């Protein structure tokens, strides 16, 4: 019976890895990368810092998607984050991915 579970676990792992790679590729294809890095603060906070700040907050994905799409001011200091040319779906995808970073 355990032999039947092994392929299912492998497929699930590959699917998760593919999704994470697609999300990171989306991040790298957008202007976000000019001011943000995953592990290091640049102009804006590291994405892992963002994930930690909003980890247990209800509605965090929607809030972050709004910040990504519309910009924000005063959240992480005096430098405002400009709006980004992303669709609502891309903003949501990026926000959900950011919240998975540890």
Protein backbone atom coordinates (compact mmCIF):
# COMPACT_ATOMS: atom_id res chain seq x y z
CA UNK A 1 0.00 0.00 0.00
CA UNK A 2 2.87 2.40 0.74
CA UNK A 3 4.12 1.94 -2.82
CA UNK A 4 0.95 3.60 -4.07
CA UNK A 5 1.56 6.68 -1.94
CA UNK A 6 5.09 7.32 -3.17
CA UNK A 7 4.09 8.53 -6.66
CA UNK A 8 1.42 10.79 -5.18
CA UNK A 9 3.91 12.38 -2.81
CA UNK A 10 6.41 12.84 -5.65
CA UNK A 11 3.81 14.52 -7.87
CA UNK A 12 2.74 16.82 -5.03
CA UNK A 13 6.35 17.83 -4.37
CA UNK A 14 7.04 18.51 -8.04
CA UNK A 15 3.87 20.56 -8.37
CA UNK A 16 4.77 22.67 -5.33
CA UNK A 17 8.32 23.21 -6.63
CA UNK A 18 7.01 24.21 -10.07
CA UNK A 19 4.57 26.70 -8.54
CA UNK A 20 7.27 28.26 -6.36
CA UNK A 21 9.58 28.57 -9.38
CA UNK A 22 6.79 30.15 -11.43
CA UNK A 23 6.06 32.64 -8.64
CA UNK A 24 9.72 33.57 -8.29
CA UNK A 25 9.98 33.93 -12.07
CA UNK A 26 6.99 36.29 -12.00
CA UNK A 27 8.69 38.33 -9.25
CA UNK A 28 11.90 38.53 -11.28
CA UNK A 29 9.99 39.61 -14.39
CA UNK A 30 8.44 42.64 -12.66
CA UNK A 31 10.01 45.91 -11.47
CA UNK A 32 9.71 44.67 -7.85
CA UNK A 33 13.20 43.23 -8.14
CA UNK A 34 14.70 46.72 -8.48
CA UNK A 35 13.87 47.51 -4.84
CA UNK A 36 13.30 44.12 -3.18
CA UNK A 37 15.27 40.92 -2.70
CA UNK A 38 14.12 37.73 -1.04
CA UNK A 39 16.66 37.68 1.80
CA UNK A 40 18.22 41.15 1.84
CA UNK A 41 16.92 44.66 2.40
CA UNK A 42 17.56 46.88 -0.62
CA UNK A 43 15.52 50.05 -1.09
CA UNK A 44 12.54 48.20 0.35
CA UNK A 45 12.40 45.40 2.89
CA UNK A 46 13.45 41.84 2.16
CA UNK A 47 10.45 39.78 1.09
CA UNK A 48 11.08 37.42 4.01
CA UNK A 49 10.70 40.42 6.36
CA UNK A 50 7.38 41.23 4.72
CA UNK A 51 6.26 37.62 5.11
CA UNK A 52 7.22 37.63 8.79
CA UNK A 53 5.43 40.93 9.48
CA UNK A 54 2.15 39.72 7.97
CA UNK A 55 2.43 36.01 8.83
CA UNK A 56 -0.53 35.80 11.18
CA UNK A 57 -2.58 38.71 9.90
CA UNK A 58 -6.00 37.94 8.48
CA UNK A 59 -6.40 39.37 4.98
CA UNK A 60 -2.65 39.76 4.52
CA UNK A 61 -2.64 38.48 0.93
CA UNK A 62 -5.29 41.00 -0.10
CA UNK A 63 -3.50 43.83 1.71
CA UNK A 64 -0.15 43.00 0.11
CA UNK A 65 -1.73 42.58 -3.33
CA UNK A 66 -3.17 46.07 -2.96
CA UNK A 67 0.23 47.46 -1.98
CA UNK A 68 1.87 45.71 -4.92
CA UNK A 69 -0.65 46.99 -7.44
CA UNK A 70 -1.40 50.46 -6.05
CA UNK A 71 1.77 51.27 -4.11
CA UNK A 72 2.00 52.32 -0.47
CA UNK A 73 3.54 54.97 1.71
CA UNK A 74 4.87 54.97 5.26
CA UNK A 75 4.54 51.23 5.84
CA UNK A 76 8.28 50.47 5.92
CA UNK A 77 9.71 53.95 6.34
CA UNK A 78 9.75 57.24 4.46
CA UNK A 79 10.43 55.87 0.96
CA UNK A 80 7.10 55.21 -0.79
CA UNK A 81 6.52 52.11 -2.86
CA UNK A 82 5.24 53.11 -6.30
CA UNK A 83 2.35 51.31 -7.99
CA UNK A 84 3.36 48.40 -10.21
CA UNK A 85 2.08 47.47 -13.65
CA UNK A 86 0.61 44.13 -12.65
CA UNK A 87 -2.81 42.60 -13.10
CA UNK A 88 -4.99 41.86 -10.08
CA UNK A 89 -4.19 38.17 -10.58
CA UNK A 90 -0.43 38.80 -10.69
CA UNK A 91 -0.59 40.99 -7.58
CA UNK A 92 -2.48 38.26 -5.73
CA UNK A 93 -0.09 35.56 -6.95
CA UNK A 94 2.92 37.59 -5.82
CA UNK A 95 1.36 38.40 -2.43
CA UNK A 96 0.51 34.77 -1.75
CA UNK A 97 4.02 33.69 -2.76
CA UNK A 98 5.65 36.32 -0.54
CA UNK A 99 3.65 35.06 2.43
CA UNK A 100 5.09 31.54 1.93
CA UNK A 101 8.67 32.74 2.31
CA UNK A 102 10.34 31.83 5.59
